[in-house]
């Protein structure tokens, strides 16, 4: 049974990738024909000016690929799949509104930050309600090494849930600034969580807290492998020079999938370690804003961090590869920490 679950997950990865490539071809053709492209912020490095007019919102076609593949494999009955789908499409909707505004009202550069944040918090609150209603949530935060030191934060858990989810969504969104960057960085933590889901699906867990995740771990693994396949299909068109950007539609969905998967599996801190690159990118932007407002000084030439290195003359491709390497190492480190629980 366990081997069959892994087989289905890997097969779903291939199917999702194939569908994503086909839909991506159609999407790029249609968007080019309609001349619907994304404007580029004048503050970013000059080499990005050649990307003006590149179709955005490509996340839409790889999200459809994930959904269609899940339907093909008849997985929609799983509570975990339903929650992950709701999180993916809920946040994708927020991103899609932002992408549409960028395309049809270029001068606006999308939603105002305050409105976007309000929409994100609203979606996160609805997801918390859904997860609680499905009895898939506890108020305990799992310790990454010692199960006995896990924290029951009680009343504060809903607040922590909202913060955690919105943090991940915005971290991936901020990282999505170079061709293939967000996608390649995301694959490592997605794979890490897929493996953990598979392990829990086999009934292995190190604490009572994670017993809740055991029954649906295999389904989480399935959807994350399907997501990786869809992202590989997206990479086909996002490779330099990109024919399409994932836009906020895609970045919001990826961030939500990573965060909600970690919350369902009760490996919140492990996921934070595996997503180091996303968090560093987010922190670089946050620190830049704080420094400018308090001291009127820049910490970086430009934020987030990947644009800082571009300004310093580092080639875009080199930045992407190096951050991908860091992401892989961070996920390996997180995997080692996860394994320590079982020694």
Protein backbone atom coordinates (compact mmCIF):
# COMPACT_ATOMS: atom_id res chain seq x y z
CA UNK A 1 0.00 0.00 0.00
CA UNK A 2 2.84 2.37 0.90
CA UNK A 3 4.66 1.59 -2.34
CA UNK A 4 1.45 2.24 -4.28
CA UNK A 5 1.07 5.66 -2.61
CA UNK A 6 4.61 6.63 -3.60
CA UNK A 7 4.04 5.29 -7.12
CA UNK A 8 0.84 7.34 -7.46
CA UNK A 9 2.63 10.45 -6.21
CA UNK A 10 5.50 10.08 -8.67
CA UNK A 11 3.10 9.30 -11.52
CA UNK A 12 1.06 12.37 -10.58
CA UNK A 13 4.26 14.43 -10.74
CA UNK A 14 4.79 13.35 -14.36
CA UNK A 15 1.15 13.88 -15.33
CA UNK A 16 1.05 17.30 -13.70
CA UNK A 17 4.27 18.31 -15.44
CA UNK A 18 2.91 17.26 -18.85
CA UNK A 19 -0.37 19.12 -18.33
CA UNK A 20 1.52 22.19 -17.13
CA UNK A 21 3.70 22.23 -20.25
CA UNK A 22 0.67 21.96 -22.54
CA UNK A 23 -1.33 24.62 -20.69
CA UNK A 24 1.74 26.84 -20.48
CA UNK A 25 2.15 26.74 -24.26
CA UNK A 26 -1.47 27.82 -24.72
CA UNK A 27 -1.26 30.47 -21.99
CA UNK A 28 1.85 32.14 -23.40
CA UNK A 29 0.41 32.16 -26.93
CA UNK A 30 -2.87 33.72 -25.82
CA UNK A 31 -1.25 36.33 -23.57
CA UNK A 32 1.21 37.32 -26.30
CA UNK A 33 -1.57 37.63 -28.84
CA UNK A 34 -3.62 39.81 -26.48
CA UNK A 35 -0.48 41.81 -25.60
CA UNK A 36 -1.15 41.47 -21.90
CA UNK A 37 2.16 41.90 -20.10
CA UNK A 38 3.52 43.04 -16.76
CA UNK A 39 5.02 46.52 -16.23
CA UNK A 40 8.47 46.72 -14.63
CA UNK A 41 9.31 48.94 -11.66
CA UNK A 42 11.81 51.61 -12.68
CA UNK A 43 13.77 51.18 -9.42
CA UNK A 44 14.99 47.67 -10.17
CA UNK A 45 18.24 46.88 -12.10
CA UNK A 46 18.38 48.09 -15.72
CA UNK A 47 18.69 44.59 -17.19
CA UNK A 48 15.06 44.00 -16.15
CA UNK A 49 13.79 46.64 -18.57
CA UNK A 50 14.02 44.09 -21.40
CA UNK A 51 11.39 42.06 -19.55
CA UNK A 52 8.71 44.75 -19.95
CA UNK A 53 5.56 43.23 -21.44
CA UNK A 54 6.33 39.64 -20.44
CA UNK A 55 3.03 37.82 -19.70
CA UNK A 56 2.33 37.41 -15.99
CA UNK A 57 -0.12 35.34 -13.95
CA UNK A 58 1.49 32.11 -15.16
CA UNK A 59 0.73 30.60 -11.80
CA UNK A 60 -2.79 30.17 -13.10
CA UNK A 61 -1.86 27.44 -15.57
CA UNK A 62 0.26 25.42 -13.16
CA UNK A 63 -2.46 25.65 -10.49
CA UNK A 64 -4.97 24.31 -13.01
CA UNK A 65 -2.48 21.50 -13.74
CA UNK A 66 -2.36 20.59 -10.05
CA UNK A 67 -6.15 20.61 -9.78
CA UNK A 68 -6.75 18.55 -12.94
CA UNK A 69 -4.14 15.98 -11.91
CA UNK A 70 -5.71 15.67 -8.47
CA UNK A 71 -9.10 15.07 -10.10
CA UNK A 72 -7.62 12.47 -12.47
CA UNK A 73 -6.27 10.52 -9.49
CA UNK A 74 -9.59 10.91 -7.65
CA UNK A 75 -8.01 12.49 -4.56
CA UNK A 76 -10.51 15.27 -3.88
CA UNK A 77 -12.25 13.26 -1.14
CA UNK A 78 -9.34 13.66 1.28
CA UNK A 79 -9.80 16.36 3.98
CA UNK A 80 -6.12 17.29 3.70
CA UNK A 81 -6.36 17.67 -0.08
CA UNK A 82 -9.46 19.85 0.31
CA UNK A 83 -7.68 22.11 2.81
CA UNK A 84 -4.57 22.40 0.64
CA UNK A 85 -6.67 23.14 -2.44
CA UNK A 86 -8.60 25.80 -0.54
CA UNK A 87 -5.38 27.41 0.65
CA UNK A 88 -3.83 27.27 -2.82
CA UNK A 89 -6.80 28.79 -4.64
CA UNK A 90 -7.74 31.17 -1.84
CA UNK A 91 -4.38 32.90 -1.87
CA UNK A 92 -4.08 32.54 -5.65
CA UNK A 93 -7.24 34.65 -5.91
CA UNK A 94 -5.57 37.46 -3.94
CA UNK A 95 -2.55 37.21 -6.22
CA UNK A 96 -4.70 37.12 -9.34
CA UNK A 97 -6.44 40.36 -8.36
CA UNK A 98 -3.00 41.93 -7.96
CA UNK A 99 -1.78 40.58 -11.32
CA UNK A 100 -4.90 41.79 -13.16
CA UNK A 101 -4.45 45.27 -11.74
CA UNK A 102 -0.82 45.30 -12.92
CA UNK A 103 -1.90 44.32 -16.43
CA UNK A 104 -4.99 46.51 -16.86
CA UNK A 105 -3.90 49.42 -14.62
CA UNK A 106 -0.09 49.50 -15.07
CA UNK A 107 0.29 52.80 -13.22
CA UNK A 108 -1.09 51.23 -10.04
CA UNK A 109 1.56 48.46 -9.89
CA UNK A 110 -1.08 46.21 -8.36
CA UNK A 111 -2.95 46.24 -5.08
CA UNK A 112 -1.95 48.65 -2.34
CA UNK A 113 0.06 46.86 0.35
CA UNK A 114 -2.56 47.49 3.03
CA UNK A 115 -5.38 46.06 0.90
CA UNK A 116 -3.33 43.04 -0.11
CA UNK A 117 -2.41 42.34 3.52
CA UNK A 118 -6.05 42.66 4.58
CA UNK A 119 -7.11 40.15 1.91
CA UNK A 120 -4.32 37.77 2.92
CA UNK A 121 -5.34 37.89 6.59
CA UNK A 122 -8.98 37.29 5.64
CA UNK A 123 -8.11 34.21 3.57
CA UNK A 124 -5.82 32.92 6.34
CA UNK A 125 -8.62 33.35 8.89
CA UNK A 126 -11.04 31.41 6.68
CA UNK A 127 -8.48 28.62 6.32
CA UNK A 128 -8.00 28.47 10.08
CA UNK A 129 -11.75 28.05 10.46
CA UNK A 130 -11.83 25.30 7.81
CA UNK A 131 -8.96 23.38 9.40
CA UNK A 132 -10.48 23.70 12.87
CA UNK A 133 -13.90 22.60 11.58
CA UNK A 134 -12.29 19.54 9.99
CA UNK A 135 -10.63 18.70 13.35
CA UNK A 136 -7.20 18.75 11.71
CA UNK A 137 -5.68 21.34 14.04
CA UNK A 138 -4.30 21.50 17.58
CA UNK A 139 -2.91 24.46 19.51
CA UNK A 140 0.45 22.73 19.95
CA UNK A 141 3.57 23.88 18.09
CA UNK A 142 5.85 20.89 17.56
CA UNK A 143 9.46 21.21 18.75
CA UNK A 144 11.90 20.35 15.92
CA UNK A 145 14.09 18.03 18.02
CA UNK A 146 12.50 17.08 21.33
CA UNK A 147 8.80 16.11 21.24
CA UNK A 148 8.56 16.56 25.02
CA UNK A 149 9.37 20.26 24.60
CA UNK A 150 6.53 21.01 22.16
CA UNK A 151 4.51 24.07 23.13
CA UNK A 152 0.77 24.32 23.66
CA UNK A 153 0.24 28.04 23.05
CA UNK A 154 -3.54 27.86 23.47
CA UNK A 155 -5.22 31.24 22.94
CA UNK A 156 -2.26 32.54 20.92
CA UNK A 157 -2.38 29.75 18.35
CA UNK A 158 -4.85 31.44 15.93
CA UNK A 159 -2.67 34.56 15.91
CA UNK A 160 0.47 32.47 15.33
CA UNK A 161 -1.34 30.58 12.56
CA UNK A 162 -2.27 33.80 10.73
CA UNK A 163 1.22 35.25 11.12
CA UNK A 164 2.91 32.04 9.96
CA UNK A 165 0.73 31.69 6.87
CA UNK A 166 0.91 35.34 5.81
CA UNK A 167 4.68 35.34 6.44
CA UNK A 168 5.22 32.43 4.04
CA UNK A 169 2.96 33.87 1.36
CA UNK A 170 4.77 37.21 1.37
CA UNK A 171 8.22 35.63 1.63
CA UNK A 172 7.70 33.64 -1.56
CA UNK A 173 6.14 36.67 -3.24
CA UNK A 174 9.14 38.86 -2.37
CA UNK A 175 11.56 36.19 -3.62
CA UNK A 176 9.84 36.02 -7.01
CA UNK A 177 11.96 38.69 -8.69
CA UNK A 178 14.31 36.80 -11.01
CA UNK A 179 13.62 34.23 -13.73
CA UNK A 180 13.13 30.77 -12.12
CA UNK A 181 14.23 31.98 -8.65
CA UNK A 182 11.07 31.42 -6.59
CA UNK A 183 10.34 28.13 -8.37
CA UNK A 184 13.79 26.61 -7.93
CA UNK A 185 14.05 27.74 -4.32
CA UNK A 186 10.55 26.34 -3.56
CA UNK A 187 11.18 22.83 -4.88
CA UNK A 188 13.51 21.85 -2.00
CA UNK A 189 11.13 22.67 0.90
CA UNK A 190 8.21 21.22 -1.07
CA UNK A 191 10.13 17.96 -1.53
CA UNK A 192 11.17 17.98 2.13
CA UNK A 193 7.55 18.28 3.25
CA UNK A 194 6.46 15.65 0.71
CA UNK A 195 8.95 13.16 2.18
CA UNK A 196 7.85 13.98 5.73
CA UNK A 197 4.22 13.53 4.67
CA UNK A 198 5.10 10.15 3.19
CA UNK A 199 6.84 9.10 6.41
CA UNK A 200 3.84 10.13 8.49
CA UNK A 201 1.58 8.35 6.03
CA UNK A 202 3.40 5.13 6.90
CA UNK A 203 2.45 5.66 10.54
CA UNK A 204 5.84 6.86 11.78
CA UNK A 205 5.66 9.82 14.12
CA UNK A 206 7.61 10.91 17.17
CA UNK A 207 4.87 12.51 19.25
CA UNK A 208 1.16 12.38 19.95
CA UNK A 209 0.87 15.79 18.33
CA UNK A 210 1.91 14.34 15.00
CA UNK A 211 -0.47 11.38 15.24
CA UNK A 212 -3.06 13.77 13.82
CA UNK A 213 -0.97 14.11 10.67
CA UNK A 214 -0.35 10.39 10.20
CA UNK A 215 -3.64 9.49 8.52
CA UNK A 216 -3.40 12.25 5.91
CA UNK A 217 0.35 12.38 5.46
CA UNK A 218 0.21 10.37 2.25
CA UNK A 219 -2.32 12.77 0.76
CA UNK A 220 -0.13 15.77 1.63
CA UNK A 221 2.76 13.97 -0.07
CA UNK A 222 0.63 13.37 -3.16
CA UNK A 223 -0.36 17.01 -3.57
CA UNK A 224 3.15 18.33 -2.96
CA UNK A 225 4.64 15.94 -5.54
CA UNK A 226 1.91 17.04 -7.95
CA UNK A 227 2.87 20.64 -7.24
CA UNK A 228 6.54 19.94 -7.94
CA UNK A 229 5.56 18.41 -11.29
CA UNK A 230 3.49 21.46 -12.21
CA UNK A 231 6.37 23.76 -11.25
CA UNK A 232 8.76 21.80 -13.46
CA UNK A 233 6.34 22.39 -16.33
CA UNK A 234 6.26 26.09 -15.46
CA UNK A 235 10.08 26.22 -15.49
CA UNK A 236 9.94 25.20 -19.15
CA UNK A 237 8.60 28.68 -19.94
CA UNK A 238 10.13 30.64 -17.07
CA UNK A 239 13.74 29.76 -17.92
CA UNK A 240 15.80 32.82 -19.02
CA UNK A 241 14.74 34.77 -20.93
CA UNK A 242 11.35 34.11 -19.37
CA UNK A 243 8.32 33.74 -21.64
CA UNK A 244 6.00 34.10 -18.65
CA UNK A 245 6.12 35.11 -14.98
CA UNK A 246 4.20 33.21 -12.28
CA UNK A 247 3.04 36.53 -10.85
CA UNK A 248 1.43 36.93 -7.46
CA UNK A 249 -1.07 34.26 -8.51
CA UNK A 250 1.66 31.63 -8.38
CA UNK A 251 3.83 32.97 -5.58
CA UNK A 252 0.89 33.37 -3.20
CA UNK A 253 -0.25 29.80 -3.91
CA UNK A 254 3.22 28.30 -3.40
CA UNK A 255 3.73 30.12 -0.12
CA UNK A 256 0.32 28.95 1.10
CA UNK A 257 1.00 25.32 0.14
CA UNK A 258 4.32 25.24 2.01
CA UNK A 259 2.87 26.88 5.12
CA UNK A 260 -0.38 24.91 5.31
CA UNK A 261 1.41 21.61 4.62
CA UNK A 262 3.77 22.34 7.52
CA UNK A 263 0.83 23.26 9.76
CA UNK A 264 -1.09 20.09 8.87
CA UNK A 265 1.98 17.91 9.43
CA UNK A 266 2.91 19.77 12.64
CA UNK A 267 6.46 20.48 11.45
CA UNK A 268 6.18 24.27 11.53
CA UNK A 269 9.74 24.96 12.69
CA UNK A 270 11.28 22.34 10.40
CA UNK A 271 9.60 24.08 7.44
CA UNK A 272 11.00 27.44 8.56
CA UNK A 273 14.53 26.03 8.48
CA UNK A 274 13.98 24.43 5.06
CA UNK A 275 12.61 27.72 3.72
CA UNK A 276 15.62 29.76 4.85
CA UNK A 277 16.08 31.56 1.52
CA UNK A 278 12.48 32.79 1.46
CA UNK A 279 12.76 34.08 5.03
CA UNK A 280 16.08 35.84 4.42
CA UNK A 281 14.64 37.55 1.34
CA UNK A 282 11.63 38.69 3.37
CA UNK A 283 13.81 39.93 6.24
CA UNK A 284 16.01 41.92 3.85
CA UNK A 285 12.98 43.87 2.62
CA UNK A 286 11.64 44.35 6.14
CA UNK A 287 14.98 45.63 7.47
CA UNK A 288 15.35 47.97 4.51
CA UNK A 289 11.93 49.51 5.17
CA UNK A 290 12.59 49.89 8.91
CA UNK A 291 16.02 51.45 8.33
CA UNK A 292 14.67 53.94 5.79
CA UNK A 293 11.78 55.01 8.01
CA UNK A 294 13.76 55.27 11.24
CA UNK A 295 17.18 56.42 10.05
CA UNK A 296 16.60 57.43 6.42
CA UNK A 297 19.44 55.08 5.45
CA UNK A 298 19.60 52.00 3.24
CA UNK A 299 21.09 48.74 4.48
CA UNK A 300 21.10 47.28 0.97
CA UNK A 301 21.57 48.96 -2.40
CA UNK A 302 18.06 47.77 -3.15
CA UNK A 303 15.79 45.23 -1.50
CA UNK A 304 15.10 42.35 -1.53
CA UNK A 305 18.48 40.67 -1.32
CA UNK A 306 18.61 39.21 -4.85
CA UNK A 307 18.26 42.69 -6.38
CA UNK A 308 21.00 43.95 -4.03
CA UNK A 309 23.43 41.47 -5.56
CA UNK A 310 22.27 42.40 -9.05
CA UNK A 311 23.12 46.03 -8.29
CA UNK A 312 26.56 44.85 -7.19
CA UNK A 313 27.08 43.33 -10.62
CA UNK A 314 26.46 39.64 -9.92
CA UNK A 315 24.85 37.93 -12.92
CA UNK A 316 21.18 36.98 -12.57
CA UNK A 317 21.84 33.32 -13.37
CA UNK A 318 24.60 33.09 -10.76
CA UNK A 319 22.34 34.57 -8.07
CA UNK A 320 19.60 32.05 -8.87
CA UNK A 321 21.95 29.05 -8.76
CA UNK A 322 23.60 30.16 -5.52
CA UNK A 323 20.29 30.73 -3.76
CA UNK A 324 19.07 27.38 -5.05
CA UNK A 325 22.16 25.75 -3.54
CA UNK A 326 21.46 27.48 -0.21
CA UNK A 327 17.84 26.28 -0.39
CA UNK A 328 18.92 22.68 -0.99
CA UNK A 329 21.41 22.82 1.89
CA UNK A 330 18.79 24.39 4.19
CA UNK A 331 16.31 21.63 3.35
CA UNK A 332 18.97 18.95 3.92
CA UNK A 333 19.76 20.56 7.27
CA UNK A 334 16.06 20.59 8.14
CA UNK A 335 15.80 16.92 7.14
CA UNK A 336 18.72 16.04 9.44
CA UNK A 337 17.03 17.88 12.30
CA UNK A 338 13.80 16.02 11.58
CA UNK A 339 15.62 12.66 11.60
CA UNK A 340 17.21 13.51 14.99
CA UNK A 341 13.75 13.11 16.53
CA UNK A 342 13.88 9.40 15.72
CA UNK A 343 17.40 8.64 16.99
